[in-house]
Amino acid sequence: MSMITILSLRFHIMQIAECVIEARSDDAVIQEMQRFPESELLQRSCCFMIQNLVVRSPENIAIFLRNVIEKLMRKDKMNYKSYKNVATDALRELGLDSCNL
């Protein structure tokens, strides 16, 4: 869990974001979100990570949209009040106009 928190803070360098995607970390993030739905800190960190990956490299949007990420974020957004703004921002960066649903 702490590794995702660290990674979410280091994506200000585009090359790091590209390496993370090349390493298939997008799948790992989604798997962890599914595996630990009760961990608010993990869900929040994963959301930050996805948001940063998409902001740094917009071509990553398609990678995340092909997965179940929208469903996971919307579910967590309903369950965790402190997660709401983070999830809304990440959904917006993914181009999902109805991010406030």
N, C-alpha and C. Protein backbone atom coordinates (compact mmCIF):
# COMPACT_ATOMS: atom_id res chain seq x y z
N MET A 1 0.82 -1.18 0.00
CA MET A 1 0.00 0.00 0.00
C MET A 1 0.86 1.25 0.00
N SER A 2 1.91 1.29 0.78
CA SER A 2 2.76 2.48 0.82
C SER A 2 3.49 2.70 -0.50
N MET A 3 3.76 1.65 -1.25
CA MET A 3 4.42 1.80 -2.55
C MET A 3 3.52 2.57 -3.51
N ILE A 4 2.23 2.29 -3.51
CA ILE A 4 1.31 3.02 -4.37
C ILE A 4 1.26 4.48 -3.96
N THR A 5 1.28 4.74 -2.68
CA THR A 5 1.29 6.13 -2.20
C THR A 5 2.54 6.85 -2.69
N ILE A 6 3.68 6.21 -2.60
CA ILE A 6 4.93 6.80 -3.09
C ILE A 6 4.88 7.03 -4.59
N LEU A 7 4.42 6.02 -5.32
CA LEU A 7 4.36 6.15 -6.77
C LEU A 7 3.41 7.26 -7.20
N SER A 8 2.32 7.43 -6.47
CA SER A 8 1.35 8.44 -6.87
C SER A 8 1.94 9.85 -6.79
N LEU A 9 2.97 10.02 -6.01
CA LEU A 9 3.59 11.33 -5.86
C LEU A 9 4.73 11.57 -6.85
N ARG A 10 5.16 10.56 -7.57
CA ARG A 10 6.36 10.67 -8.40
C ARG A 10 6.06 10.76 -9.90
N PHE A 11 4.82 10.94 -10.28
CA PHE A 11 4.49 10.94 -11.70
C PHE A 11 4.59 12.30 -12.36
N HIS A 12 5.24 13.25 -11.72
CA HIS A 12 5.42 14.55 -12.35
C HIS A 12 6.43 14.46 -13.49
N ILE A 13 7.12 13.35 -13.60
CA ILE A 13 8.06 13.12 -14.69
C ILE A 13 7.41 12.14 -15.67
N MET A 14 7.19 12.59 -16.92
CA MET A 14 6.46 11.79 -17.90
C MET A 14 7.10 10.43 -18.15
N GLN A 15 8.42 10.37 -18.15
CA GLN A 15 9.10 9.10 -18.42
C GLN A 15 8.77 8.05 -17.36
N ILE A 16 8.61 8.49 -16.12
CA ILE A 16 8.24 7.54 -15.05
C ILE A 16 6.83 7.02 -15.30
N ALA A 17 5.93 7.90 -15.67
CA ALA A 17 4.56 7.49 -15.97
C ALA A 17 4.54 6.47 -17.10
N GLU A 18 5.34 6.69 -18.12
CA GLU A 18 5.40 5.76 -19.25
C GLU A 18 5.95 4.40 -18.83
N CYS A 19 6.96 4.41 -17.98
CA CYS A 19 7.53 3.15 -17.49
C CYS A 19 6.53 2.36 -16.66
N VAL A 20 5.74 3.07 -15.87
CA VAL A 20 4.73 2.40 -15.04
C VAL A 20 3.71 1.70 -15.92
N ILE A 21 3.27 2.35 -16.97
CA ILE A 21 2.30 1.72 -17.89
C ILE A 21 2.94 0.56 -18.63
N GLU A 22 4.16 0.74 -19.09
CA GLU A 22 4.85 -0.35 -19.80
C GLU A 22 5.01 -1.58 -18.92
N ALA A 23 5.13 -1.37 -17.61
CA ALA A 23 5.28 -2.49 -16.67
C ALA A 23 3.93 -3.11 -16.30
N ARG A 24 2.87 -2.66 -16.95
CA ARG A 24 1.52 -3.18 -16.71
C ARG A 24 1.04 -2.90 -15.29
N SER A 25 1.50 -1.82 -14.71
CA SER A 25 1.08 -1.46 -13.37
C SER A 25 -0.39 -1.06 -13.32
N ASP A 26 -0.94 -0.69 -14.46
CA ASP A 26 -2.37 -0.36 -14.49
C ASP A 26 -3.20 -1.56 -14.06
N ASP A 27 -2.83 -2.75 -14.52
CA ASP A 27 -3.54 -3.96 -14.11
C ASP A 27 -3.36 -4.23 -12.62
N ALA A 28 -2.16 -4.01 -12.12
CA ALA A 28 -1.89 -4.24 -10.69
C ALA A 28 -2.71 -3.30 -9.82
N VAL A 29 -2.82 -2.05 -10.23
CA VAL A 29 -3.60 -1.08 -9.47
C VAL A 29 -5.06 -1.51 -9.40
N ILE A 30 -5.60 -1.89 -10.53
CA ILE A 30 -7.00 -2.30 -10.57
C ILE A 30 -7.22 -3.57 -9.74
N GLN A 31 -6.29 -4.50 -9.83
CA GLN A 31 -6.40 -5.73 -9.03
C GLN A 31 -6.38 -5.42 -7.54
N GLU A 32 -5.52 -4.50 -7.13
CA GLU A 32 -5.46 -4.14 -5.71
C GLU A 32 -6.73 -3.43 -5.25
N MET A 33 -7.29 -2.59 -6.12
CA MET A 33 -8.54 -1.93 -5.78
C MET A 33 -9.66 -2.95 -5.59
N GLN A 34 -9.66 -3.98 -6.43
CA GLN A 34 -10.67 -5.03 -6.32
C GLN A 34 -10.41 -5.93 -5.11
N ARG A 35 -9.15 -6.17 -4.82
CA ARG A 35 -8.78 -7.08 -3.74
C ARG A 35 -9.03 -6.48 -2.35
N PHE A 36 -8.84 -5.17 -2.22
CA PHE A 36 -8.98 -4.51 -0.92
C PHE A 36 -9.98 -3.36 -0.98
N PRO A 37 -11.24 -3.65 -1.24
CA PRO A 37 -12.22 -2.57 -1.36
C PRO A 37 -12.48 -1.83 -0.05
N GLU A 38 -12.14 -2.45 1.08
CA GLU A 38 -12.39 -1.82 2.38
C GLU A 38 -11.28 -0.88 2.80
N SER A 39 -10.18 -0.85 2.07
CA SER A 39 -9.06 0.01 2.43
C SER A 39 -9.19 1.38 1.76
N GLU A 40 -9.69 2.33 2.52
CA GLU A 40 -9.90 3.67 1.98
C GLU A 40 -8.59 4.31 1.52
N LEU A 41 -7.53 4.13 2.29
CA LEU A 41 -6.23 4.71 1.92
C LEU A 41 -5.71 4.12 0.61
N LEU A 42 -5.85 2.83 0.45
CA LEU A 42 -5.40 2.19 -0.79
C LEU A 42 -6.23 2.70 -1.97
N GLN A 43 -7.55 2.76 -1.81
CA GLN A 43 -8.41 3.22 -2.89
C GLN A 43 -8.05 4.65 -3.29
N ARG A 44 -7.83 5.48 -2.31
CA ARG A 44 -7.48 6.88 -2.56
C ARG A 44 -6.13 7.00 -3.27
N SER A 45 -5.16 6.23 -2.81
CA SER A 45 -3.82 6.25 -3.43
C SER A 45 -3.87 5.76 -4.87
N CYS A 46 -4.63 4.71 -5.10
CA CYS A 46 -4.76 4.20 -6.47
C CYS A 46 -5.42 5.22 -7.37
N CYS A 47 -6.40 5.91 -6.84
CA CYS A 47 -7.08 6.94 -7.61
C CYS A 47 -6.13 8.08 -7.99
N PHE A 48 -5.33 8.52 -7.02
CA PHE A 48 -4.31 9.53 -7.31
C PHE A 48 -3.34 9.04 -8.38
N MET A 49 -2.93 7.79 -8.27
CA MET A 49 -1.99 7.23 -9.23
C MET A 49 -2.59 7.24 -10.64
N ILE A 50 -3.82 6.80 -10.76
CA ILE A 50 -4.48 6.79 -12.07
C ILE A 50 -4.62 8.20 -12.61
N GLN A 51 -5.04 9.11 -11.77
CA GLN A 51 -5.18 10.50 -12.21
C GLN A 51 -3.85 11.05 -12.72
N ASN A 52 -2.79 10.81 -11.98
CA ASN A 52 -1.47 11.31 -12.40
C ASN A 52 -0.99 10.66 -13.67
N LEU A 53 -1.23 9.38 -13.84
CA LEU A 53 -0.83 8.70 -15.07
C LEU A 53 -1.56 9.27 -16.28
N VAL A 54 -2.82 9.57 -16.12
CA VAL A 54 -3.63 10.09 -17.23
C VAL A 54 -3.27 11.53 -17.55
N VAL A 55 -3.03 12.33 -16.53
CA VAL A 55 -2.66 13.73 -16.75
C VAL A 55 -1.32 13.82 -17.48
N ARG A 56 -0.36 13.02 -17.08
CA ARG A 56 0.99 13.08 -17.67
C ARG A 56 1.02 12.51 -19.08
N SER A 57 0.20 11.52 -19.35
CA SER A 57 0.18 10.88 -20.67
C SER A 57 -1.27 10.57 -21.04
N PRO A 58 -1.94 11.49 -21.73
CA PRO A 58 -3.36 11.30 -22.06
C PRO A 58 -3.65 10.01 -22.84
N GLU A 59 -2.65 9.46 -23.51
CA GLU A 59 -2.89 8.20 -24.22
C GLU A 59 -3.18 7.05 -23.26
N ASN A 60 -2.92 7.26 -21.98
CA ASN A 60 -3.21 6.23 -20.98
C ASN A 60 -4.70 6.14 -20.65
N ILE A 61 -5.47 7.12 -21.08
CA ILE A 61 -6.91 7.10 -20.80
C ILE A 61 -7.54 5.82 -21.33
N ALA A 62 -7.23 5.46 -22.56
CA ALA A 62 -7.81 4.26 -23.16
C ALA A 62 -7.44 3.00 -22.39
N ILE A 63 -6.25 2.97 -21.84
CA ILE A 63 -5.80 1.80 -21.08
C ILE A 63 -6.69 1.60 -19.86
N PHE A 64 -7.01 2.68 -19.17
CA PHE A 64 -7.83 2.55 -17.97
C PHE A 64 -9.31 2.37 -18.28
N LEU A 65 -9.78 2.96 -19.36
CA LEU A 65 -11.19 2.84 -19.70
C LEU A 65 -11.56 1.44 -20.17
N ARG A 66 -10.61 0.67 -20.66
CA ARG A 66 -10.91 -0.69 -21.10
C ARG A 66 -11.10 -1.62 -19.90
N ASN A 67 -10.73 -1.17 -18.75
CA ASN A 67 -10.88 -1.95 -17.53
C ASN A 67 -12.13 -1.51 -16.78
N VAL A 68 -12.29 -2.00 -15.60
CA VAL A 68 -13.48 -1.73 -14.78
C VAL A 68 -13.28 -0.53 -13.86
N ILE A 69 -12.34 0.32 -14.17
CA ILE A 69 -11.95 1.38 -13.25
C ILE A 69 -13.08 2.35 -12.94
N GLU A 70 -13.89 2.69 -13.93
CA GLU A 70 -14.99 3.63 -13.67
C GLU A 70 -15.94 3.06 -12.62
N LYS A 71 -16.30 1.81 -12.76
CA LYS A 71 -17.20 1.16 -11.80
C LYS A 71 -16.59 1.16 -10.40
N LEU A 72 -15.30 0.84 -10.29
CA LEU A 72 -14.64 0.82 -8.99
C LEU A 72 -14.62 2.21 -8.35
N MET A 73 -14.29 3.21 -9.14
CA MET A 73 -14.21 4.57 -8.60
C MET A 73 -15.58 5.09 -8.17
N ARG A 74 -16.59 4.81 -8.95
CA ARG A 74 -17.93 5.28 -8.58
C ARG A 74 -18.42 4.58 -7.31
N LYS A 75 -18.14 3.30 -7.19
CA LYS A 75 -18.54 2.56 -5.99
C LYS A 75 -17.84 3.12 -4.75
N ASP A 76 -16.55 3.33 -4.86
CA ASP A 76 -15.79 3.87 -3.73
C ASP A 76 -16.20 5.31 -3.41
N LYS A 77 -16.53 6.05 -4.43
CA LYS A 77 -16.96 7.44 -4.24
C LYS A 77 -18.21 7.49 -3.37
N MET A 78 -19.07 6.51 -3.52
CA MET A 78 -20.29 6.43 -2.72
C MET A 78 -19.98 5.96 -1.28
N ASN A 79 -18.98 5.10 -1.12
CA ASN A 79 -18.68 4.50 0.18
C ASN A 79 -17.82 5.37 1.08
N TYR A 80 -16.94 6.19 0.49
CA TYR A 80 -15.98 6.96 1.29
C TYR A 80 -16.14 8.44 1.00
N LYS A 81 -16.55 9.19 1.99
CA LYS A 81 -16.76 10.62 1.79
C LYS A 81 -15.47 11.36 1.46
N SER A 82 -14.37 10.98 2.11
CA SER A 82 -13.11 11.66 1.85
C SER A 82 -12.54 11.33 0.47
N TYR A 83 -13.06 10.31 -0.15
CA TYR A 83 -12.61 9.85 -1.46
C TYR A 83 -13.33 10.58 -2.58
N LYS A 84 -14.44 11.21 -2.27
CA LYS A 84 -15.31 11.79 -3.30
C LYS A 84 -14.59 12.76 -4.23
N ASN A 85 -13.86 13.73 -3.69
CA ASN A 85 -13.18 14.71 -4.54
C ASN A 85 -12.08 14.08 -5.37
N VAL A 86 -11.35 13.16 -4.78
CA VAL A 86 -10.27 12.48 -5.51
C VAL A 86 -10.84 11.68 -6.67
N ALA A 87 -11.90 10.95 -6.41
CA ALA A 87 -12.54 10.14 -7.45
C ALA A 87 -13.13 11.03 -8.54
N THR A 88 -13.77 12.12 -8.15
CA THR A 88 -14.35 13.04 -9.13
C THR A 88 -13.27 13.60 -10.05
N ASP A 89 -12.15 14.00 -9.48
CA ASP A 89 -11.04 14.52 -10.29
C ASP A 89 -10.49 13.47 -11.25
N ALA A 90 -10.31 12.26 -10.75
CA ALA A 90 -9.78 11.19 -11.60
C ALA A 90 -10.76 10.84 -12.71
N LEU A 91 -12.04 10.76 -12.39
CA LEU A 91 -13.04 10.46 -13.42
C LEU A 91 -13.07 11.56 -14.47
N ARG A 92 -12.93 12.81 -14.04
CA ARG A 92 -12.89 13.93 -14.99
C ARG A 92 -11.69 13.80 -15.92
N GLU A 93 -10.53 13.46 -15.37
CA GLU A 93 -9.33 13.30 -16.19
C GLU A 93 -9.46 12.15 -17.19
N LEU A 94 -10.29 11.17 -16.84
CA LEU A 94 -10.55 10.05 -17.75
C LEU A 94 -11.55 10.43 -18.84
N GLY A 95 -12.09 11.65 -18.74
CA GLY A 95 -13.02 12.13 -19.76
C GLY A 95 -14.44 11.68 -19.55
N LEU A 96 -14.78 11.31 -18.34
CA LEU A 96 -16.14 10.85 -18.05
C LEU A 96 -16.95 12.04 -17.55
N ASP A 97 -17.76 12.58 -18.43
CA ASP A 97 -18.48 13.81 -18.16
C ASP A 97 -19.43 13.71 -16.98
N SER A 98 -19.96 12.55 -16.74
CA SER A 98 -20.94 12.39 -15.67
C SER A 98 -20.24 12.00 -14.37
N CYS A 99 -19.12 12.65 -14.07
CA CYS A 99 -18.30 12.27 -12.92
C CYS A 99 -18.96 12.57 -11.60
N ASN A 100 -20.01 13.37 -11.57
CA ASN A 100 -20.68 13.65 -10.31
C ASN A 100 -21.85 12.74 -10.01
N LEU A 101 -22.01 11.70 -10.80
CA LEU A 101 -23.10 10.73 -10.53
C LEU A 101 -22.78 9.88 -9.35
